[in-house]
PDB file of N, CA and C in Angstrom:
ATOM      1  N   MET A   1     -28.040   0.541 -29.540  1.00  0.00           N
ATOM      2  CA  MET A   1     -27.507  -0.630 -28.872  1.00  0.00           C
ATOM      3  C   MET A   1     -26.957  -1.602 -29.906  1.00  0.00           C
ATOM      4  N   ALA A   2     -26.032  -2.388 -29.468  1.00  0.00           N
ATOM      5  CA  ALA A   2     -25.430  -3.372 -30.352  1.00  0.00           C
ATOM      6  C   ALA A   2     -26.391  -4.535 -30.533  1.00  0.00           C
ATOM      7  N   SER A   3     -26.337  -5.116 -31.685  1.00  0.00           N
ATOM      8  CA  SER A   3     -27.188  -6.266 -31.942  1.00  0.00           C
ATOM      9  C   SER A   3     -26.650  -7.474 -31.174  1.00  0.00           C
ATOM     10  N   GLU A   4     -27.459  -8.518 -31.122  1.00  0.00           N
ATOM     11  CA  GLU A   4     -27.053  -9.728 -30.393  1.00  0.00           C
ATOM     12  C   GLU A   4     -25.820 -10.354 -31.041  1.00  0.00           C
ATOM     13  N   ARG A   5     -25.739 -10.284 -32.341  1.00  0.00           N
ATOM     14  CA  ARG A   5     -24.604 -10.873 -33.037  1.00  0.00           C
ATOM     15  C   ARG A   5     -23.294 -10.163 -32.646  1.00  0.00           C
ATOM     16  N   GLU A   6     -23.334  -8.829 -32.551  1.00  0.00           N
ATOM     17  CA  GLU A   6     -22.144  -8.085 -32.170  1.00  0.00           C
ATOM     18  C   GLU A   6     -21.739  -8.406 -30.735  1.00  0.00           C
ATOM     19  N   GLN A   7     -22.721  -8.562 -29.853  1.00  0.00           N
ATOM     20  CA  GLN A   7     -22.413  -8.870 -28.465  1.00  0.00           C
ATOM     21  C   GLN A   7     -21.770 -10.243 -28.331  1.00  0.00           C
ATOM     22  N   THR A   8     -22.291 -11.234 -29.047  1.00  0.00           N
ATOM     23  CA  THR A   8     -21.716 -12.571 -28.957  1.00  0.00           C
ATOM     24  C   THR A   8     -20.351 -12.626 -29.614  1.00  0.00           C
ATOM     25  N   SER A   9     -20.147 -11.881 -30.702  1.00  0.00           N
ATOM     26  CA  SER A   9     -18.833 -11.903 -31.339  1.00  0.00           C
ATOM     27  C   SER A   9     -17.807 -11.212 -30.438  1.00  0.00           C
ATOM     28  N   TYR A  10     -18.213 -10.186 -29.709  1.00  0.00           N
ATOM     29  CA  TYR A  10     -17.295  -9.527 -28.783  1.00  0.00           C
ATOM     30  C   TYR A  10     -16.974 -10.454 -27.621  1.00  0.00           C
ATOM     31  N   GLY A  11     -17.948 -11.188 -27.130  1.00  0.00           N
ATOM     32  CA  GLY A  11     -17.736 -12.098 -26.011  1.00  0.00           C
ATOM     33  C   GLY A  11     -16.881 -13.295 -26.381  1.00  0.00           C
ATOM     34  N   SER A  12     -16.868 -13.689 -27.623  1.00  0.00           N
ATOM     35  CA  SER A  12     -16.095 -14.860 -28.023  1.00  0.00           C
ATOM     36  C   SER A  12     -14.794 -14.489 -28.734  1.00  0.00           C
ATOM     37  N   ASN A  13     -14.431 -13.231 -28.728  1.00  0.00           N
ATOM     38  CA  ASN A  13     -13.200 -12.804 -29.377  1.00  0.00           C
ATOM     39  C   ASN A  13     -12.010 -13.310 -28.551  1.00  0.00           C
ATOM     40  N   PRO A  14     -11.144 -14.140 -29.123  1.00  0.00           N
ATOM     41  CA  PRO A  14     -10.046 -14.722 -28.344  1.00  0.00           C
ATOM     42  C   PRO A  14      -8.964 -13.700 -27.965  1.00  0.00           C
ATOM     43  N   PHE A  15      -8.959 -12.528 -28.590  1.00  0.00           N
ATOM     44  CA  PHE A  15      -7.955 -11.526 -28.263  1.00  0.00           C
ATOM     45  C   PHE A  15      -8.417 -10.582 -27.160  1.00  0.00           C
ATOM     46  N   ILE A  16      -9.709 -10.379 -27.046  1.00  0.00           N
ATOM     47  CA  ILE A  16     -10.248  -9.456 -26.047  1.00  0.00           C
ATOM     48  C   ILE A  16     -10.327 -10.122 -24.677  1.00  0.00           C
ATOM     49  N   ASN A  17     -10.772 -11.345 -24.602  1.00  0.00           N
ATOM     50  CA  ASN A  17     -10.948 -12.009 -23.305  1.00  0.00           C
ATOM     51  C   ASN A  17      -9.651 -12.106 -22.496  1.00  0.00           C
ATOM     52  N   PRO A  18      -8.515 -12.512 -23.056  1.00  0.00           N
ATOM     53  CA  PRO A  18      -7.278 -12.526 -22.267  1.00  0.00           C
ATOM     54  C   PRO A  18      -6.851 -11.125 -21.826  1.00  0.00           C
ATOM     55  N   MET A  19      -7.120 -10.131 -22.663  1.00  0.00           N
ATOM     56  CA  MET A  19      -6.763  -8.766 -22.274  1.00  0.00           C
ATOM     57  C   MET A  19      -7.558  -8.328 -21.059  1.00  0.00           C
ATOM     58  N   VAL A  20      -8.842  -8.652 -21.029  1.00  0.00           N
ATOM     59  CA  VAL A  20      -9.678  -8.299 -19.888  1.00  0.00           C
ATOM     60  C   VAL A  20      -9.191  -9.041 -18.648  1.00  0.00           C
ATOM     61  N   PHE A  21      -8.838 -10.309 -18.817  1.00  0.00           N
ATOM     62  CA  PHE A  21      -8.319 -11.086 -17.697  1.00  0.00           C
ATOM     63  C   PHE A  21      -7.074 -10.436 -17.127  1.00  0.00           C
ATOM     64  N   TRP A  22      -6.109 -10.070 -17.979  1.00  0.00           N
ATOM     65  CA  TRP A  22      -4.861  -9.477 -17.493  1.00  0.00           C
ATOM     66  C   TRP A  22      -5.074  -8.094 -16.906  1.00  0.00           C
ATOM     67  N   GLN A  23      -6.010  -7.338 -17.467  1.00  0.00           N
ATOM     68  CA  GLN A  23      -6.327  -6.029 -16.891  1.00  0.00           C
ATOM     69  C   GLN A  23      -6.882  -6.189 -15.478  1.00  0.00           C
ATOM     70  N   ASN A  24      -7.809  -7.130 -15.310  1.00  0.00           N
ATOM     71  CA  ASN A  24      -8.371  -7.370 -13.977  1.00  0.00           C
ATOM     72  C   ASN A  24      -7.300  -7.902 -13.023  1.00  0.00           C
ATOM     73  N   TYR A  25      -6.470  -8.813 -13.509  1.00  0.00           N
ATOM     74  CA  TYR A  25      -5.411  -9.391 -12.703  1.00  0.00           C
ATOM     75  C   TYR A  25      -4.444  -8.310 -12.227  1.00  0.00           C
ATOM     76  N   MET A  26      -4.028  -7.448 -13.131  1.00  0.00           N
ATOM     77  CA  MET A  26      -3.075  -6.395 -12.772  1.00  0.00           C
ATOM     78  C   MET A  26      -3.692  -5.370 -11.836  1.00  0.00           C
ATOM     79  N   SER A  27      -4.942  -5.020 -12.045  1.00  0.00           N
ATOM     80  CA  SER A  27      -5.571  -4.049 -11.149  1.00  0.00           C
ATOM     81  C   SER A  27      -5.721  -4.636  -9.742  1.00  0.00           C
ATOM     82  N   LYS A  28      -6.056  -5.916  -9.638  1.00  0.00           N
ATOM     83  CA  LYS A  28      -6.142  -6.552  -8.316  1.00  0.00           C
ATOM     84  C   LYS A  28      -4.762  -6.649  -7.674  1.00  0.00           C
ATOM     85  N   TRP A  29      -3.727  -6.939  -8.470  1.00  0.00           N
ATOM     86  CA  TRP A  29      -2.368  -7.022  -7.940  1.00  0.00           C
ATOM     87  C   TRP A  29      -1.920  -5.659  -7.411  1.00  0.00           C
ATOM     88  N   ILE A  30      -2.259  -4.601  -8.108  1.00  0.00           N
ATOM     89  CA  ILE A  30      -1.911  -3.253  -7.663  1.00  0.00           C
ATOM     90  C   ILE A  30      -2.625  -2.935  -6.353  1.00  0.00           C
ATOM     91  N   GLU A  31      -3.884  -3.329  -6.231  1.00  0.00           N
ATOM     92  CA  GLU A  31      -4.621  -3.100  -4.987  1.00  0.00           C
ATOM     93  C   GLU A  31      -3.986  -3.859  -3.827  1.00  0.00           C
ATOM     94  N   VAL A  32      -3.601  -5.109  -4.057  1.00  0.00           N
ATOM     95  CA  VAL A  32      -2.963  -5.907  -3.006  1.00  0.00           C
ATOM     96  C   VAL A  32      -1.621  -5.297  -2.626  1.00  0.00           C
ATOM     97  N   ASN A  33      -0.854  -4.888  -3.617  1.00  0.00           N
ATOM     98  CA  ASN A  33       0.447  -4.288  -3.354  1.00  0.00           C
ATOM     99  C   ASN A  33       0.295  -2.993  -2.563  1.00  0.00           C
ATOM    100  N   ARG A  34      -0.665  -2.177  -2.921  1.00  0.00           N
ATOM    101  CA  ARG A  34      -0.904  -0.928  -2.210  1.00  0.00           C
ATOM    102  C   ARG A  34      -1.319  -1.206  -0.766  1.00  0.00           C
ATOM    103  N   GLY A  35      -2.182  -2.187  -0.571  1.00  0.00           N
ATOM    104  CA  GLY A  35      -2.604  -2.537   0.784  1.00  0.00           C
ATOM    105  C   GLY A  35      -1.461  -3.059   1.629  1.00  0.00           C
ATOM    106  N   SER A  36      -0.603  -3.890   1.033  1.00  0.00           N
ATOM    107  CA  SER A  36       0.528  -4.414   1.805  1.00  0.00           C
ATOM    108  C   SER A  36       1.527  -3.315   2.128  1.00  0.00           C
ATOM    109  N   CYS A  37       1.712  -2.361   1.234  1.00  0.00           N
ATOM    110  CA  CYS A  37       2.606  -1.227   1.524  1.00  0.00           C
ATOM    111  C   CYS A  37       2.040  -0.377   2.651  1.00  0.00           C
ATOM    112  N   ASP A  38       0.740  -0.138   2.630  1.00  0.00           N
ATOM    113  CA  ASP A  38       0.118   0.631   3.715  1.00  0.00           C
ATOM    114  C   ASP A  38       0.283  -0.084   5.047  1.00  0.00           C
ATOM    115  N   ASN A  39       0.094  -1.395   5.044  1.00  0.00           N
ATOM    116  CA  ASN A  39       0.260  -2.167   6.279  1.00  0.00           C
ATOM    117  C   ASN A  39       1.705  -2.155   6.753  1.00  0.00           C
ATOM    118  N   ALA A  40       2.654  -2.234   5.834  1.00  0.00           N
ATOM    119  CA  ALA A  40       4.068  -2.192   6.218  1.00  0.00           C
ATOM    120  C   ALA A  40       4.418  -0.843   6.832  1.00  0.00           C
ATOM    121  N   ILE A  41       3.859   0.216   6.307  1.00  0.00           N
ATOM    122  CA  ILE A  41       4.104   1.546   6.872  1.00  0.00           C
ATOM    123  C   ILE A  41       3.539   1.636   8.285  1.00  0.00           C
ATOM    124  N   LYS A  42       2.325   1.109   8.489  1.00  0.00           N
ATOM    125  CA  LYS A  42       1.724   1.141   9.819  1.00  0.00           C
ATOM    126  C   LYS A  42       2.532   0.315  10.813  1.00  0.00           C
ATOM    127  N   VAL A  43       3.014  -0.833  10.390  1.00  0.00           N
ATOM    128  CA  VAL A  43       3.830  -1.677  11.274  1.00  0.00           C
ATOM    129  C   VAL A  43       5.134  -0.967  11.616  1.00  0.00           C
ATOM    130  N   GLY A  44       5.755  -0.328  10.625  1.00  0.00           N
ATOM    131  CA  GLY A  44       6.982   0.420  10.874  1.00  0.00           C
ATOM    132  C   GLY A  44       6.766   1.553  11.868  1.00  0.00           C
ATOM    133  N   GLU A  45       5.675   2.283  11.706  1.00  0.00           N
ATOM    134  CA  GLU A  45       5.363   3.357  12.651  1.00  0.00           C
ATOM    135  C   GLU A  45       5.151   2.805  14.059  1.00  0.00           C
ATOM    136  N   TYR A  46       4.471   1.680  14.139  1.00  0.00           N
ATOM    137  CA  TYR A  46       4.206   1.054  15.433  1.00  0.00           C
ATOM    138  C   TYR A  46       5.514   0.679  16.128  1.00  0.00           C
ATOM    139  N   TRP A  47       6.415   0.038  15.390  1.00  0.00           N
ATOM    140  CA  TRP A  47       7.678  -0.382  15.993  1.00  0.00           C
ATOM    141  C   TRP A  47       8.566   0.802  16.337  1.00  0.00           C
ATOM    142  N   PHE A  48       8.572   1.823  15.487  1.00  0.00           N
ATOM    143  CA  PHE A  48       9.345   3.018  15.813  1.00  0.00           C
ATOM    144  C   PHE A  48       8.816   3.676  17.077  1.00  0.00           C
ATOM    145  N   LYS A  49       7.495   3.712  17.195  1.00  0.00           N
ATOM    146  CA  LYS A  49       6.907   4.330  18.376  1.00  0.00           C
ATOM    147  C   LYS A  49       7.293   3.544  19.632  1.00  0.00           C
ATOM    148  N   ILE A  50       7.300   2.230  19.553  1.00  0.00           N
ATOM    149  CA  ILE A  50       7.630   1.411  20.718  1.00  0.00           C
ATOM    150  C   ILE A  50       9.101   1.557  21.099  1.00  0.00           C
ATOM    151  N   PHE A  51      10.001   1.450  20.139  1.00  0.00           N
ATOM    152  CA  PHE A  51      11.424   1.382  20.445  1.00  0.00           C
ATOM    153  C   PHE A  51      12.150   2.719  20.370  1.00  0.00           C
ATOM    154  N   LEU A  52      11.699   3.629  19.528  1.00  0.00           N
ATOM    155  CA  LEU A  52      12.431   4.873  19.350  1.00  0.00           C
ATOM    156  C   LEU A  52      11.976   5.961  20.314  1.00  0.00           C
ATOM    157  N   ASP A  53      10.686   6.020  20.630  1.00  0.00           N
ATOM    158  CA  ASP A  53      10.192   7.063  21.525  1.00  0.00           C
ATOM    159  C   ASP A  53      10.854   7.033  22.901  1.00  0.00           C
ATOM    160  N   PRO A  54      10.954   5.900  23.569  1.00  0.00           N
ATOM    161  CA  PRO A  54      11.614   5.918  24.882  1.00  0.00           C
ATOM    162  C   PRO A  54      13.068   6.379  24.790  1.00  0.00           C
ATOM    163  N   TRP A  55      13.756   5.971  23.757  1.00  0.00           N
ATOM    164  CA  TRP A  55      15.147   6.368  23.584  1.00  0.00           C
ATOM    165  C   TRP A  55      15.234   7.874  23.337  1.00  0.00           C
ATOM    166  N   LEU A  56      14.354   8.384  22.465  1.00  0.00           N
ATOM    167  CA  LEU A  56      14.371   9.820  22.180  1.00  0.00           C
ATOM    168  C   LEU A  56      13.979  10.629  23.406  1.00  0.00           C
ATOM    169  N   ARG A  57      13.038  10.129  24.198  1.00  0.00           N
ATOM    170  CA  ARG A  57      12.669  10.832  25.427  1.00  0.00           C
ATOM    171  C   ARG A  57      13.861  10.903  26.370  1.00  0.00           C
ATOM    172  N   GLY A  58      14.644   9.828  26.435  1.00  0.00           N
ATOM    173  CA  GLY A  58      15.835   9.828  27.277  1.00  0.00           C
ATOM    174  C   GLY A  58      16.870  10.820  26.789  1.00  0.00           C
ATOM    175  N   VAL A  59      17.067  10.903  25.494  1.00  0.00           N
ATOM    176  CA  VAL A  59      18.034  11.841  24.917  1.00  0.00           C
ATOM    177  C   VAL A  59      17.579  13.274  25.174  1.00  0.00           C
ATOM    178  N   ARG A  60      16.291  13.538  25.000  1.00  0.00           N
ATOM    179  CA  ARG A  60      15.769  14.887  25.231  1.00  0.00           C
ATOM    180  C   ARG A  60      15.895  15.275  26.695  1.00  0.00           C
ATOM    181  N   ALA A  61      15.640  14.319  27.598  1.00  0.00           N
ATOM    182  CA  ALA A  61      15.763  14.602  29.022  1.00  0.00           C
ATOM    183  C   ALA A  61      17.218  14.929  29.375  1.00  0.00           C
ATOM    184  N   GLU A  62      18.157  14.202  28.781  1.00  0.00           N
ATOM    185  CA  GLU A  62      19.565  14.481  29.024  1.00  0.00           C
ATOM    186  C   GLU A  62      19.952  15.857  28.493  1.00  0.00           C
ATOM    187  N   GLN A  63      19.406  16.227  27.339  1.00  0.00           N
ATOM    188  CA  GLN A  63      19.715  17.532  26.769  1.00  0.00           C
ATOM    189  C   GLN A  63      19.152  18.652  27.658  1.00  0.00           C
ATOM    190  N   LYS A  64      17.974  18.441  28.227  1.00  0.00           N
ATOM    191  CA  LYS A  64      17.394  19.447  29.115  1.00  0.00           C
ATOM    192  C   LYS A  64      18.218  19.561  30.390  1.00  0.00           C
ATOM    193  N   GLU A  65      18.686  18.427  30.916  1.00  0.00           N
ATOM    194  CA  GLU A  65      19.495  18.461  32.136  1.00  0.00           C
ATOM    195  C   GLU A  65      20.808  19.183  31.886  1.00  0.00           C
ATOM    196  N   THR A  66      21.452  18.943  30.755  1.00  0.00           N
ATOM    197  CA  THR A  66      22.714  19.608  30.463  1.00  0.00           C
ATOM    198  C   THR A  66      22.476  21.101  30.210  1.00  0.00           C
ATOM    199  N   ALA A  67      21.325  21.457  29.663  1.00  0.00           N
ATOM    200  CA  ALA A  67      21.016  22.874  29.434  1.00  0.00           C
ATOM    201  C   ALA A  67      20.811  23.588  30.761  1.00  0.00           C
ATOM    202  N   ARG A  68      20.226  22.905  31.739  1.00  0.00           N
ATOM    203  CA  ARG A  68      20.004  23.505  33.060  1.00  0.00           C
ATOM    204  C   ARG A  68      21.302  23.709  33.797  1.00  0.00           C
ATOM    205  N   VAL A  69      22.237  22.775  33.659  1.00  0.00           N
ATOM    206  CA  VAL A  69      23.503  22.836  34.349  1.00  0.00           C
ATOM    207  C   VAL A  69      24.342  23.988  33.833  1.00  0.00           C
ATOM    208  N   GLU A  70      24.314  24.216  32.533  1.00  0.00           N
ATOM    209  CA  GLU A  70      25.123  25.270  31.930  1.00  0.00           C
ATOM    210  C   GLU A  70      24.551  26.587  32.295  1.00  0.00           C
TER     211      GLU A  70
END
């Protein structure tokens, strides 16, 4: 194990502390970005299902009717 002196010198190192801060900041930003992208995908799927499905069902029904007529 490291001695107490090594632990305190590591904790007070002015170059290490900002690096840890930025590493934590960037990892949290990546998590937030990933979550917002997942939510945007879910919202897009929801809206496509609401607006595109009825239209596609109508197009498919028309295609079936024209296939029956021919």
